[in-house]
Amino acid sequence: MSSLSAAAATLKSTIVNSRRTSTPPAKSMVVECSSRPQKKATAHHMKTRPKKSQPWDIRRKPAVYPPLPPLPSDWSLLSEDESASESAVVVPEAEQPVVVSTA
Protein backbone atom coordinates (compact mmCIF):
# COMPACT_ATOMS: atom_id res chain seq x y z
CA MET A 1 0.00 0.00 0.00
CA SER A 2 2.87 2.36 0.73
CA SER A 3 4.33 1.89 -2.75
CA LEU A 4 1.00 2.97 -4.24
CA SER A 5 0.89 6.15 -2.16
CA ALA A 6 4.56 6.83 -2.96
CA ALA A 7 3.83 6.48 -6.68
CA ALA A 8 0.85 8.85 -6.34
CA ALA A 9 2.99 11.38 -4.48
CA THR A 10 5.68 11.18 -7.17
CA LEU A 11 3.11 11.70 -9.89
CA LYS A 12 1.60 14.64 -8.02
CA SER A 13 4.98 16.28 -7.53
CA THR A 14 5.79 15.73 -11.23
CA ILE A 15 2.58 17.44 -12.24
CA VAL A 16 3.16 20.34 -9.86
CA ASN A 17 6.79 20.70 -10.91
CA SER A 18 5.90 20.61 -14.60
CA ARG A 19 3.62 23.62 -14.09
CA ARG A 20 6.38 25.59 -12.37
CA THR A 21 9.22 24.97 -14.80
CA SER A 22 9.47 26.05 -18.40
CA THR A 23 10.66 22.63 -19.64
CA PRO A 24 8.44 19.63 -18.93
CA PRO A 25 9.81 16.48 -17.32
CA ALA A 26 10.88 13.75 -19.71
CA LYS A 27 8.10 11.25 -18.97
CA SER A 28 5.01 13.47 -18.97
CA MET A 29 2.55 14.18 -21.78
CA VAL A 30 2.80 17.64 -23.27
CA VAL A 31 0.04 19.28 -25.27
CA GLU A 32 1.42 21.68 -27.81
CA CYS A 33 -0.91 24.29 -29.19
CA SER A 34 -0.70 25.42 -32.77
CA SER A 35 0.22 29.01 -33.37
CA ARG A 36 -2.40 29.18 -36.14
CA PRO A 37 -5.21 26.75 -35.29
CA GLN A 38 -7.57 25.86 -38.10
CA LYS A 39 -11.34 25.78 -37.84
CA LYS A 40 -12.88 22.33 -37.90
CA ALA A 41 -15.74 21.25 -40.20
CA THR A 42 -18.92 23.04 -39.09
CA ALA A 43 -17.11 26.02 -37.59
CA HIS A 44 -15.29 26.55 -40.87
CA HIS A 45 -18.48 26.24 -42.94
CA MET A 46 -20.31 28.69 -40.69
CA LYS A 47 -17.48 31.22 -40.94
CA THR A 48 -16.97 30.96 -44.70
CA ARG A 49 -20.59 30.56 -45.83
CA PRO A 50 -21.88 33.07 -48.38
CA LYS A 51 -23.56 35.98 -46.62
CA LYS A 52 -26.26 38.16 -48.14
CA SER A 53 -25.04 41.75 -48.29
CA GLN A 54 -27.28 43.33 -50.92
CA PRO A 55 -30.68 44.64 -49.72
CA TRP A 56 -32.51 43.01 -52.64
CA ASP A 57 -30.94 39.68 -51.72
CA ILE A 58 -31.70 40.05 -48.01
CA ARG A 59 -35.40 40.71 -48.73
CA ARG A 60 -35.67 37.80 -51.16
CA LYS A 61 -38.07 35.06 -50.04
CA PRO A 62 -37.79 31.32 -50.69
CA ALA A 63 -39.15 29.99 -53.97
CA VAL A 64 -42.82 28.98 -53.99
CA TYR A 65 -43.48 25.77 -55.88
CA PRO A 66 -46.88 24.43 -57.01
CA PRO A 67 -48.30 21.60 -54.90
CA LEU A 68 -47.39 18.05 -55.89
CA PRO A 69 -49.89 16.07 -57.96
CA PRO A 70 -51.92 13.37 -56.19
CA LEU A 71 -50.37 9.93 -55.82
CA PRO A 72 -51.28 7.19 -58.33
CA SER A 73 -53.97 4.72 -57.27
CA ASP A 74 -51.48 1.94 -56.53
CA TRP A 75 -49.76 4.20 -53.96
CA SER A 76 -51.56 5.22 -50.80
CA LEU A 77 -50.69 6.88 -47.53
CA LEU A 78 -51.37 4.94 -44.35
CA SER A 79 -52.47 6.38 -41.03
CA GLU A 80 -51.13 5.07 -37.70
CA ASP A 81 -54.04 2.62 -37.29
CA GLU A 82 -53.71 1.21 -40.79
CA SER A 83 -49.92 0.89 -40.60
CA ALA A 84 -50.19 -1.23 -37.43
CA SER A 85 -52.61 -3.65 -39.10
CA GLU A 86 -50.55 -3.75 -42.33
CA SER A 87 -47.33 -4.62 -40.45
CA ALA A 88 -48.98 -7.83 -39.17
CA VAL A 89 -49.08 -9.31 -42.69
CA VAL A 90 -47.41 -12.73 -42.85
CA VAL A 91 -44.79 -13.04 -45.56
CA PRO A 92 -44.41 -16.55 -47.03
CA GLU A 93 -41.11 -18.24 -46.34
CA ALA A 94 -38.51 -18.22 -49.07
CA GLU A 95 -37.06 -21.40 -50.53
CA GLN A 96 -34.58 -23.27 -48.41
CA PRO A 97 -31.00 -22.13 -49.13
CA VAL A 98 -28.78 -24.56 -50.97
CA VAL A 99 -25.88 -25.78 -48.86
CA VAL A 100 -22.72 -26.40 -50.85
CA SER A 101 -20.04 -28.49 -49.20
CA THR A 102 -16.41 -27.64 -49.87
CA ALA A 103 -15.11 -31.17 -49.30
PDB file of N, CA and C in Angstrom:
ATOM      1  N   MET A   1       0.819  -1.184   0.000  1.00  0.00           N
ATOM      2  CA  MET A   1       0.000   0.000   0.000  1.00  0.00           C
ATOM      3  C   MET A   1       0.864   1.249   0.000  1.00  0.00           C
ATOM      4  N   SER A   2       2.001   1.177   0.657  1.00  0.00           N
ATOM      5  CA  SER A   2       2.867   2.356   0.733  1.00  0.00           C
ATOM      6  C   SER A   2       3.490   2.668  -0.627  1.00  0.00           C
ATOM      7  N   SER A   3       3.736   1.629  -1.441  1.00  0.00           N
ATOM      8  CA  SER A   3       4.327   1.886  -2.749  1.00  0.00           C
ATOM      9  C   SER A   3       3.321   2.608  -3.651  1.00  0.00           C
ATOM     10  N   LEU A   4       2.028   2.304  -3.469  1.00  0.00           N
ATOM     11  CA  LEU A   4       1.004   2.974  -4.243  1.00  0.00           C
ATOM     12  C   LEU A   4       0.912   4.452  -3.875  1.00  0.00           C
ATOM     13  N   SER A   5       0.953   4.751  -2.578  1.00  0.00           N
ATOM     14  CA  SER A   5       0.889   6.152  -2.160  1.00  0.00           C
ATOM     15  C   SER A   5       2.166   6.895  -2.540  1.00  0.00           C
ATOM     16  N   ALA A   6       3.300   6.199  -2.545  1.00  0.00           N
ATOM     17  CA  ALA A   6       4.556   6.832  -2.959  1.00  0.00           C
ATOM     18  C   ALA A   6       4.520   7.158  -4.447  1.00  0.00           C
ATOM     19  N   ALA A   7       3.944   6.239  -5.247  1.00  0.00           N
ATOM     20  CA  ALA A   7       3.828   6.485  -6.681  1.00  0.00           C
ATOM     21  C   ALA A   7       2.880   7.651  -6.945  1.00  0.00           C
ATOM     22  N   ALA A   8       1.797   7.738  -6.183  1.00  0.00           N
ATOM     23  CA  ALA A   8       0.850   8.845  -6.343  1.00  0.00           C
ATOM     24  C   ALA A   8       1.505  10.165  -5.953  1.00  0.00           C
ATOM     25  N   ALA A   9       2.304  10.162  -4.901  1.00  0.00           N
ATOM     26  CA  ALA A   9       2.992  11.379  -4.477  1.00  0.00           C
ATOM     27  C   ALA A   9       4.012  11.816  -5.522  1.00  0.00           C
ATOM     28  N   THR A  10       4.713  10.851  -6.127  1.00  0.00           N
ATOM     29  CA  THR A  10       5.680  11.178  -7.169  1.00  0.00           C
ATOM     30  C   THR A  10       4.989  11.774  -8.376  1.00  0.00           C
ATOM     31  N   LEU A  11       3.865  11.184  -8.756  1.00  0.00           N
ATOM     32  CA  LEU A  11       3.111  11.697  -9.889  1.00  0.00           C
ATOM     33  C   LEU A  11       2.594  13.100  -9.604  1.00  0.00           C
ATOM     34  N   LYS A  12       2.111  13.318  -8.386  1.00  0.00           N
ATOM     35  CA  LYS A  12       1.597  14.639  -8.018  1.00  0.00           C
ATOM     36  C   LYS A  12       2.709  15.671  -8.044  1.00  0.00           C
ATOM     37  N   SER A  13       3.873  15.323  -7.529  1.00  0.00           N
ATOM     38  CA  SER A  13       4.981  16.284  -7.531  1.00  0.00           C
ATOM     39  C   SER A  13       5.464  16.549  -8.954  1.00  0.00           C
ATOM     40  N   THR A  14       5.397  15.529  -9.832  1.00  0.00           N
ATOM     41  CA  THR A  14       5.789  15.726 -11.227  1.00  0.00           C
ATOM     42  C   THR A  14       4.846  16.697 -11.910  1.00  0.00           C
ATOM     43  N   ILE A  15       3.561  16.542 -11.640  1.00  0.00           N
ATOM     44  CA  ILE A  15       2.581  17.441 -12.245  1.00  0.00           C
ATOM     45  C   ILE A  15       2.769  18.865 -11.727  1.00  0.00           C
ATOM     46  N   VAL A  16       2.967  19.017 -10.432  1.00  0.00           N
ATOM     47  CA  VAL A  16       3.163  20.344  -9.855  1.00  0.00           C
ATOM     48  C   VAL A  16       4.447  20.962 -10.376  1.00  0.00           C
ATOM     49  N   ASN A  17       5.520  20.177 -10.429  1.00  0.00           N
ATOM     50  CA  ASN A  17       6.792  20.697 -10.911  1.00  0.00           C
ATOM     51  C   ASN A  17       6.744  21.060 -12.386  1.00  0.00           C
ATOM     52  N   SER A  18       5.974  20.312 -13.176  1.00  0.00           N
ATOM     53  CA  SER A  18       5.903  20.610 -14.604  1.00  0.00           C
ATOM     54  C   SER A  18       5.176  21.934 -14.843  1.00  0.00           C
ATOM     55  N   ARG A  19       4.301  22.336 -13.943  1.00  0.00           N
ATOM     56  CA  ARG A  19       3.623  23.619 -14.088  1.00  0.00           C
ATOM     57  C   ARG A  19       4.544  24.774 -13.725  1.00  0.00           C
ATOM     58  N   ARG A  20       5.497  24.527 -12.845  1.00  0.00           N
ATOM     59  CA  ARG A  20       6.378  25.589 -12.371  1.00  0.00           C
ATOM     60  C   ARG A  20       7.559  25.849 -13.312  1.00  0.00           C
ATOM     61  N   THR A  21       8.037  24.811 -13.962  1.00  0.00           N
ATOM     62  CA  THR A  21       9.222  24.972 -14.797  1.00  0.00           C
ATOM     63  C   THR A  21       8.827  25.225 -16.238  1.00  0.00           C
ATOM     64  N   SER A  22       9.754  25.769 -16.999  1.00  0.00           N
ATOM     65  CA  SER A  22       9.475  26.051 -18.401  1.00  0.00           C
ATOM     66  C   SER A  22       9.644  24.806 -19.263  1.00  0.00           C
ATOM     67  N   THR A  23      10.486  23.865 -18.871  1.00  0.00           N
ATOM     68  CA  THR A  23      10.660  22.632 -19.639  1.00  0.00           C
ATOM     69  C   THR A  23       9.961  21.503 -18.902  1.00  0.00           C
ATOM     70  N   PRO A  24       9.158  20.719 -19.585  1.00  0.00           N
ATOM     71  CA  PRO A  24       8.437  19.635 -18.926  1.00  0.00           C
ATOM     72  C   PRO A  24       9.365  18.475 -18.601  1.00  0.00           C
ATOM     73  N   PRO A  25       9.003  17.670 -17.611  1.00  0.00           N
ATOM     74  CA  PRO A  25       9.810  16.484 -17.322  1.00  0.00           C
ATOM     75  C   PRO A  25       9.775  15.522 -18.498  1.00  0.00           C
ATOM     76  N   ALA A  26      10.707  14.615 -18.557  1.00  0.00           N
ATOM     77  CA  ALA A  26      10.884  13.747 -19.711  1.00  0.00           C
ATOM     78  C   ALA A  26       9.734  12.762 -19.903  1.00  0.00           C
ATOM     79  N   LYS A  27       9.084  12.309 -18.844  1.00  0.00           N
ATOM     80  CA  LYS A  27       8.097  11.248 -18.970  1.00  0.00           C
ATOM     81  C   LYS A  27       6.657  11.749 -18.826  1.00  0.00           C
ATOM     82  N   SER A  28       6.388  12.999 -19.079  1.00  0.00           N
ATOM     83  CA  SER A  28       5.007  13.470 -18.974  1.00  0.00           C
ATOM     84  C   SER A  28       4.477  13.812 -20.365  1.00  0.00           C
ATOM     85  N   MET A  29       3.165  13.831 -20.510  1.00  0.00           N
ATOM     86  CA  MET A  29       2.555  14.183 -21.779  1.00  0.00           C
ATOM     87  C   MET A  29       2.492  15.701 -21.888  1.00  0.00           C
ATOM     88  N   VAL A  30       2.815  16.200 -23.045  1.00  0.00           N
ATOM     89  CA  VAL A  30       2.798  17.635 -23.274  1.00  0.00           C
ATOM     90  C   VAL A  30       1.843  17.924 -24.421  1.00  0.00           C
ATOM     91  N   VAL A  31       0.951  18.870 -24.219  1.00  0.00           N
ATOM     92  CA  VAL A  31       0.042  19.278 -25.266  1.00  0.00           C
ATOM     93  C   VAL A  31       0.578  20.558 -25.868  1.00  0.00           C
ATOM     94  N   GLU A  32       0.911  20.491 -27.141  1.00  0.00           N
ATOM     95  CA  GLU A  32       1.424  21.682 -27.805  1.00  0.00           C
ATOM     96  C   GLU A  32       0.307  22.303 -28.618  1.00  0.00           C
ATOM     97  N   CYS A  33       0.128  23.593 -28.463  1.00  0.00           N
ATOM     98  CA  CYS A  33      -0.912  24.293 -29.189  1.00  0.00           C
ATOM     99  C   CYS A  33      -0.336  24.860 -30.477  1.00  0.00           C
ATOM    100  N   SER A  34      -1.134  24.861 -31.497  1.00  0.00           N
ATOM    101  CA  SER A  34      -0.700  25.416 -32.767  1.00  0.00           C
ATOM    102  C   SER A  34      -0.709  26.929 -32.683  1.00  0.00           C
ATOM    103  N   SER A  35       0.213  27.548 -33.369  1.00  0.00           N
ATOM    104  CA  SER A  35       0.225  29.010 -33.369  1.00  0.00           C
ATOM    105  C   SER A  35      -0.877  29.559 -34.264  1.00  0.00           C
ATOM    106  N   ARG A  36      -1.309  28.770 -35.256  1.00  0.00           N
ATOM    107  CA  ARG A  36      -2.403  29.183 -36.140  1.00  0.00           C
ATOM    108  C   ARG A  36      -3.415  28.038 -36.246  1.00  0.00           C
ATOM    109  N   PRO A  37      -4.265  27.863 -35.237  1.00  0.00           N
ATOM    110  CA  PRO A  37      -5.208  26.755 -35.289  1.00  0.00           C
ATOM    111  C   PRO A  37      -6.215  26.924 -36.410  1.00  0.00           C
ATOM    112  N   GLN A  38      -6.611  25.821 -37.013  1.00  0.00           N
ATOM    113  CA  GLN A  38      -7.574  25.862 -38.104  1.00  0.00           C
ATOM    114  C   GLN A  38      -8.956  25.516 -37.585  1.00  0.00           C
ATOM    115  N   LYS A  39      -9.961  26.093 -38.213  1.00  0.00           N
ATOM    116  CA  LYS A  39     -11.337  25.777 -37.835  1.00  0.00           C
ATOM    117  C   LYS A  39     -11.667  24.369 -38.312  1.00  0.00           C
ATOM    118  N   LYS A  40     -12.502  23.683 -37.564  1.00  0.00           N
ATOM    119  CA  LYS A  40     -12.885  22.328 -37.901  1.00  0.00           C
ATOM    120  C   LYS A  40     -14.284  22.313 -38.505  1.00  0.00           C
ATOM    121  N   ALA A  41     -14.473  21.569 -39.535  1.00  0.00           N
ATOM    122  CA  ALA A  41     -15.742  21.246 -40.197  1.00  0.00           C
ATOM    123  C   ALA A  41     -16.824  22.310 -40.088  1.00  0.00           C
ATOM    124  N   THR A  42     -17.753  22.159 -39.160  1.00  0.00           N
ATOM    125  CA  THR A  42     -18.916  23.037 -39.094  1.00  0.00           C
ATOM    126  C   THR A  42     -18.523  24.467 -38.796  1.00  0.00           C
ATOM    127  N   ALA A  43     -17.552  24.658 -37.919  1.00  0.00           N
ATOM    128  CA  ALA A  43     -17.112  26.017 -37.591  1.00  0.00           C
ATOM    129  C   ALA A  43     -16.568  26.710 -38.833  1.00  0.00           C
ATOM    130  N   HIS A  44     -15.833  25.975 -39.639  1.00  0.00           N
ATOM    131  CA  HIS A  44     -15.295  26.553 -40.871  1.00  0.00           C
ATOM    132  C   HIS A  44     -16.416  26.897 -41.848  1.00  0.00           C
ATOM    133  N   HIS A  45     -17.382  25.993 -42.005  1.00  0.00           N
ATOM    134  CA  HIS A  45     -18.481  26.243 -42.937  1.00  0.00           C
ATOM    135  C   HIS A  45     -19.331  27.421 -42.482  1.00  0.00           C
ATOM    136  N   MET A  46     -19.520  27.567 -41.185  1.00  0.00           N
ATOM    137  CA  MET A  46     -20.305  28.693 -40.687  1.00  0.00           C
ATOM    138  C   MET A  46     -19.558  30.010 -40.902  1.00  0.00           C
ATOM    139  N   LYS A  47     -18.249  29.987 -40.766  1.00  0.00           N
ATOM    140  CA  LYS A  47     -17.481  31.221 -40.938  1.00  0.00           C
ATOM    141  C   LYS A  47     -17.373  31.622 -42.401  1.00  0.00           C
ATOM    142  N   THR A  48     -17.231  30.642 -43.293  1.00  0.00           N
ATOM    143  CA  THR A  48     -16.971  30.956 -44.695  1.00  0.00           C
ATOM    144  C   THR A  48     -18.201  30.834 -45.587  1.00  0.00           C
ATOM    145  N   ARG A  49     -19.387  30.701 -45.005  1.00  0.00           N
ATOM    146  CA  ARG A  49     -20.592  30.563 -45.827  1.00  0.00           C
ATOM    147  C   ARG A  49     -20.887  31.876 -46.536  1.00  0.00           C
ATOM    148  N   PRO A  50     -21.548  31.829 -47.676  1.00  0.00           N
ATOM    149  CA  PRO A  50     -21.877  33.069 -48.378  1.00  0.00           C
ATOM    150  C   PRO A  50     -22.921  33.856 -47.588  1.00  0.00           C
ATOM    151  N   LYS A  51     -22.655  35.130 -47.388  1.00  0.00           N
ATOM    152  CA  LYS A  51     -23.556  35.979 -46.620  1.00  0.00           C
ATOM    153  C   LYS A  51     -24.231  36.982 -47.546  1.00  0.00           C
ATOM    154  N   LYS A  52     -25.511  37.206 -47.323  1.00  0.00           N
ATOM    155  CA  LYS A  52     -26.258  38.158 -48.137  1.00  0.00           C
ATOM    156  C   LYS A  52     -25.906  39.574 -47.692  1.00  0.00           C
ATOM    157  N   SER A  53     -25.409  40.379 -48.631  1.00  0.00           N
ATOM    158  CA  SER A  53     -25.040  41.752 -48.288  1.00  0.00           C
ATOM    159  C   SER A  53     -25.890  42.780 -49.028  1.00  0.00           C
ATOM    160  N   GLN A  54     -26.473  42.401 -50.149  1.00  0.00           N
ATOM    161  CA  GLN A  54     -27.284  43.334 -50.917  1.00  0.00           C
ATOM    162  C   GLN A  54     -28.714  43.367 -50.365  1.00  0.00           C
ATOM    163  N   PRO A  55     -29.313  44.559 -50.260  1.00  0.00           N
ATOM    164  CA  PRO A  55     -30.678  44.641 -49.721  1.00  0.00           C
ATOM    165  C   PRO A  55     -31.685  43.806 -50.512  1.00  0.00           C
ATOM    166  N   TRP A  56     -31.561  43.791 -51.846  1.00  0.00           N
ATOM    167  CA  TRP A  56     -32.514  43.013 -52.644  1.00  0.00           C
ATOM    168  C   TRP A  56     -32.384  41.525 -52.352  1.00  0.00           C
ATOM    169  N   ASP A  57     -31.168  41.083 -52.009  1.00  0.00           N
ATOM    170  CA  ASP A  57     -30.942  39.675 -51.725  1.00  0.00           C
ATOM    171  C   ASP A  57     -31.420  39.332 -50.313  1.00  0.00           C
ATOM    172  N   ILE A  58     -31.261  40.273 -49.383  1.00  0.00           N
ATOM    173  CA  ILE A  58     -31.699  40.050 -48.007  1.00  0.00           C
ATOM    174  C   ILE A  58     -33.223  39.917 -47.949  1.00  0.00           C
ATOM    175  N   ARG A  59     -33.937  40.728 -48.738  1.00  0.00           N
ATOM    176  CA  ARG A  59     -35.402  40.714 -48.735  1.00  0.00           C
ATOM    177  C   ARG A  59     -35.995  39.569 -49.545  1.00  0.00           C
ATOM    178  N   ARG A  60     -35.161  38.857 -50.283  1.00  0.00           N
ATOM    179  CA  ARG A  60     -35.668  37.796 -51.162  1.00  0.00           C
ATOM    180  C   ARG A  60     -36.237  36.643 -50.336  1.00  0.00           C
ATOM    181  N   LYS A  61     -37.386  36.157 -50.731  1.00  0.00           N
ATOM    182  CA  LYS A  61     -38.070  35.059 -50.038  1.00  0.00           C
ATOM    183  C   LYS A  61     -37.762  33.734 -50.737  1.00  0.00           C
ATOM    184  N   PRO A  62     -38.004  32.617 -50.050  1.00  0.00           N
ATOM    185  CA  PRO A  62     -37.785  31.318 -50.694  1.00  0.00           C
ATOM    186  C   PRO A  62     -38.730  31.117 -51.876  1.00  0.00           C
ATOM    187  N   ALA A  63     -38.339  30.272 -52.794  1.00  0.00           N
ATOM    188  CA  ALA A  63     -39.154  29.994 -53.971  1.00  0.00           C
ATOM    189  C   ALA A  63     -40.443  29.284 -53.563  1.00  0.00           C
ATOM    190  N   VAL A  64     -41.527  29.615 -54.240  1.00  0.00           N
ATOM    191  CA  VAL A  64     -42.817  28.979 -53.988  1.00  0.00           C
ATOM    192  C   VAL A  64     -43.105  28.046 -55.159  1.00  0.00           C
ATOM    193  N   TYR A  65     -43.243  26.768 -54.853  1.00  0.00           N
ATOM    194  CA  TYR A  65     -43.481  25.766 -55.878  1.00  0.00           C
ATOM    195  C   TYR A  65     -44.946  25.345 -55.857  1.00  0.00           C
ATOM    196  N   PRO A  66     -45.495  24.918 -57.003  1.00  0.00           N
ATOM    197  CA  PRO A  66     -46.885  24.432 -57.014  1.00  0.00           C
ATOM    198  C   PRO A  66     -46.983  23.128 -56.220  1.00  0.00           C
ATOM    199  N   PRO A  67     -48.154  22.840 -55.684  1.00  0.00           N
ATOM    200  CA  PRO A  67     -48.296  21.595 -54.904  1.00  0.00           C
ATOM    201  C   PRO A  67     -48.071  20.373 -55.786  1.00  0.00           C
ATOM    202  N   LEU A  68     -47.658  19.289 -55.164  1.00  0.00           N
ATOM    203  CA  LEU A  68     -47.391  18.052 -55.886  1.00  0.00           C
ATOM    204  C   LEU A  68     -48.695  17.424 -56.364  1.00  0.00           C
ATOM    205  N   PRO A  69     -48.672  16.738 -57.486  1.00  0.00           N
ATOM    206  CA  PRO A  69     -49.894  16.074 -57.959  1.00  0.00           C
ATOM    207  C   PRO A  69     -50.260  14.921 -57.022  1.00  0.00           C
ATOM    208  N   PRO A  70     -51.525  14.486 -57.068  1.00  0.00           N
ATOM    209  CA  PRO A  70     -51.921  13.370 -56.193  1.00  0.00           C
ATOM    210  C   PRO A  70     -51.185  12.089 -56.575  1.00  0.00           C
ATOM    211  N   LEU A  71     -51.061  11.198 -55.588  1.00  0.00           N
ATOM    212  CA  LEU A  71     -50.366   9.931 -55.820  1.00  0.00           C
ATOM    213  C   LEU A  71     -51.181   9.033 -56.732  1.00  0.00           C
ATOM    214  N   PRO A  72     -50.538   8.156 -57.510  1.00  0.00           N
ATOM    215  CA  PRO A  72     -51.279   7.188 -58.329  1.00  0.00           C
ATOM    216  C   PRO A  72     -52.110   6.267 -57.442  1.00  0.00           C
ATOM    217  N   SER A  73     -53.051   5.564 -58.050  1.00  0.00           N
ATOM    218  CA  SER A  73     -53.967   4.724 -57.274  1.00  0.00           C
ATOM    219  C   SER A  73     -53.260   3.548 -56.594  1.00  0.00           C
ATOM    220  N   ASP A  74     -52.164   3.062 -57.164  1.00  0.00           N
ATOM    221  CA  ASP A  74     -51.477   1.936 -56.528  1.00  0.00           C
ATOM    222  C   ASP A  74     -50.621   2.369 -55.341  1.00  0.00           C
ATOM    223  N   TRP A  75     -50.456   3.663 -55.122  1.00  0.00           N
ATOM    224  CA  TRP A  75     -49.758   4.199 -53.957  1.00  0.00           C
ATOM    225  C   TRP A  75     -50.812   4.801 -53.037  1.00  0.00           C
ATOM    226  N   SER A  76     -50.633   4.596 -51.751  1.00  0.00           N
ATOM    227  CA  SER A  76     -51.559   5.220 -50.802  1.00  0.00           C
ATOM    228  C   SER A  76     -50.825   5.499 -49.502  1.00  0.00           C
ATOM    229  N   LEU A  77     -51.260   6.538 -48.820  1.00  0.00           N
ATOM    230  CA  LEU A  77     -50.687   6.883 -47.527  1.00  0.00           C
ATOM    231  C   LEU A  77     -51.462   6.165 -46.435  1.00  0.00           C
ATOM    232  N   LEU A  78     -50.746   5.659 -45.443  1.00  0.00           N
ATOM    233  CA  LEU A  78     -51.373   4.938 -44.351  1.00  0.00           C
ATOM    234  C   LEU A  78     -51.369   5.789 -43.095  1.00  0.00           C
ATOM    235  N   SER A  79     -52.444   5.710 -42.328  1.00  0.00           N
ATOM    236  CA  SER A  79     -52.474   6.377 -41.033  1.00  0.00           C
ATOM    237  C   SER A  79     -51.832   5.444 -40.012  1.00  0.00           C
ATOM    238  N   GLU A  80     -51.748   5.890 -38.758  1.00  0.00           N
ATOM    239  CA  GLU A  80     -51.127   5.074 -37.701  1.00  0.00           C
ATOM    240  C   GLU A  80     -51.891   3.760 -37.496  1.00  0.00           C
ATOM    241  N   ASP A  81     -53.233   3.820 -37.517  1.00  0.00           N
ATOM    242  CA  ASP A  81     -54.035   2.617 -37.286  1.00  0.00           C
ATOM    243  C   ASP A  81     -53.855   1.615 -38.417  1.00  0.00           C
ATOM    244  N   GLU A  82     -53.845   2.098 -39.638  1.00  0.00           N
ATOM    245  CA  GLU A  82     -53.709   1.214 -40.790  1.00  0.00           C
ATOM    246  C   GLU A  82     -52.311   0.619 -40.883  1.00  0.00           C
ATOM    247  N   SER A  83     -51.289   1.403 -40.508  1.00  0.00           N
ATOM    248  CA  SER A  83     -49.921   0.894 -40.603  1.00  0.00           C
ATOM    249  C   SER A  83     -49.681  -0.224 -39.602  1.00  0.00           C
ATOM    250  N   ALA A  84     -50.343  -0.171 -38.422  1.00  0.00           N
ATOM    251  CA  ALA A  84     -50.186  -1.234 -37.434  1.00  0.00           C
ATOM    252  C   ALA A  84     -50.802  -2.532 -37.941  1.00  0.00           C
ATOM    253  N   SER A  85     -51.964  -2.435 -38.595  1.00  0.00           N
ATOM    254  CA  SER A  85     -52.607  -3.651 -39.099  1.00  0.00           C
ATOM    255  C   SER A  85     -51.870  -4.187 -40.323  1.00  0.00           C
ATOM    256  N   GLU A  86     -51.284  -3.315 -41.144  1.00  0.00           N
ATOM    257  CA  GLU A  86     -50.545  -3.750 -42.330  1.00  0.00           C
ATOM    258  C   GLU A  86     -49.236  -4.437 -41.953  1.00  0.00           C
ATOM    259  N   SER A  87     -48.611  -4.029 -40.822  1.00  0.00           N
ATOM    260  CA  SER A  87     -47.330  -4.622 -40.447  1.00  0.00           C
ATOM    261  C   SER A  87     -47.492  -6.050 -39.949  1.00  0.00           C
ATOM    262  N   ALA A  88     -48.744  -6.480 -39.649  1.00  0.00           N
ATOM    263  CA  ALA A  88     -48.982  -7.834 -39.171  1.00  0.00           C
ATOM    264  C   ALA A  88     -49.173  -8.820 -40.313  1.00  0.00           C
ATOM    265  N   VAL A  89     -48.921  -8.419 -41.544  1.00  0.00           N
ATOM    266  CA  VAL A  89     -49.079  -9.307 -42.695  1.00  0.00           C
ATOM    267  C   VAL A  89     -47.985 -10.368 -42.657  1.00  0.00           C
ATOM    268  N   VAL A  90     -48.368 -11.626 -42.874  1.00  0.00           N
ATOM    269  CA  VAL A  90     -47.414 -12.728 -42.848  1.00  0.00           C
ATOM    270  C   VAL A  90     -46.807 -12.873 -44.241  1.00  0.00           C
ATOM    271  N   VAL A  91     -45.499 -12.884 -44.293  1.00  0.00           N
ATOM    272  CA  VAL A  91     -44.786 -13.035 -45.555  1.00  0.00           C
ATOM    273  C   VAL A  91     -44.441 -14.513 -45.715  1.00  0.00           C
ATOM    274  N   PRO A  92     -44.738 -15.133 -46.858  1.00  0.00           N
ATOM    275  CA  PRO A  92     -44.411 -16.554 -47.027  1.00  0.00           C
ATOM    276  C   PRO A  92     -42.902 -16.770 -46.985  1.00  0.00           C
ATOM    277  N   GLU A  93     -42.533 -17.931 -46.465  1.00  0.00           N
ATOM    278  CA  GLU A  93     -41.110 -18.240 -46.338  1.00  0.00           C
ATOM    279  C   GLU A  93     -40.477 -18.446 -47.706  1.00  0.00           C
ATOM    280  N   ALA A  94     -39.238 -18.046 -47.818  1.00  0.00           N
ATOM    281  CA  ALA A  94     -38.505 -18.215 -49.070  1.00  0.00           C
ATOM    282  C   ALA A  94     -38.052 -19.670 -49.177  1.00  0.00           C
ATOM    283  N   GLU A  95     -37.562 -20.044 -50.340  1.00  0.00           N
ATOM    284  CA  GLU A  95     -37.063 -21.405 -50.529  1.00  0.00           C
ATOM    285  C   GLU A  95     -35.880 -21.644 -49.613  1.00  0.00           C
ATOM    286  N   GLN A  96     -35.697 -22.915 -49.270  1.00  0.00           N
ATOM    287  CA  GLN A  96     -34.578 -23.269 -48.405  1.00  0.00           C
ATOM    288  C   GLN A  96     -33.275 -22.987 -49.130  1.00  0.00           C
ATOM    289  N   PRO A  97     -32.271 -22.395 -48.461  1.00  0.00           N
ATOM    290  CA  PRO A  97     -31.001 -22.127 -49.132  1.00  0.00           C
ATOM    291  C   PRO A  97     -30.258 -23.411 -49.459  1.00  0.00           C
ATOM    292  N   VAL A  98     -29.555 -23.394 -50.534  1.00  0.00           N
ATOM    293  CA  VAL A  98     -28.781 -24.557 -50.970  1.00  0.00           C
ATOM    294  C   VAL A  98     -27.449 -24.561 -50.250  1.00  0.00           C
ATOM    295  N   VAL A  99     -27.141 -25.665 -49.594  1.00  0.00           N
ATOM    296  CA  VAL A  99     -25.876 -25.778 -48.864  1.00  0.00           C
ATOM    297  C   VAL A  99     -24.871 -26.482 -49.757  1.00  0.00           C
ATOM    298  N   VAL A 100     -23.755 -25.847 -50.000  1.00  0.00           N
ATOM    299  CA  VAL A 100     -22.717 -26.399 -50.855  1.00  0.00           C
ATOM    300  C   VAL A 100     -21.567 -26.798 -49.960  1.00  0.00           C
ATOM    301  N   SER A 101     -21.168 -28.046 -50.023  1.00  0.00           N
ATOM    302  CA  SER A 101     -20.036 -28.494 -49.198  1.00  0.00           C
ATOM    303  C   SER A 101     -18.746 -28.254 -49.970  1.00  0.00           C
ATOM    304  N   THR A 102     -17.715 -27.928 -49.256  1.00  0.00           N
ATOM    305  CA  THR A 102     -16.415 -27.641 -49.870  1.00  0.00           C
ATOM    306  C   THR A 102     -15.456 -28.800 -49.708  1.00  0.00           C
ATOM    307  N   ALA A 103     -15.992 -30.008 -49.498  1.00  0.00           N
ATOM    308  CA  ALA A 103     -15.113 -31.168 -49.302  1.00  0.00           C
ATOM    309  C   ALA A 103     -14.605 -31.748 -50.591  1.00  0.00           C
TER     310      ALA A 103
END
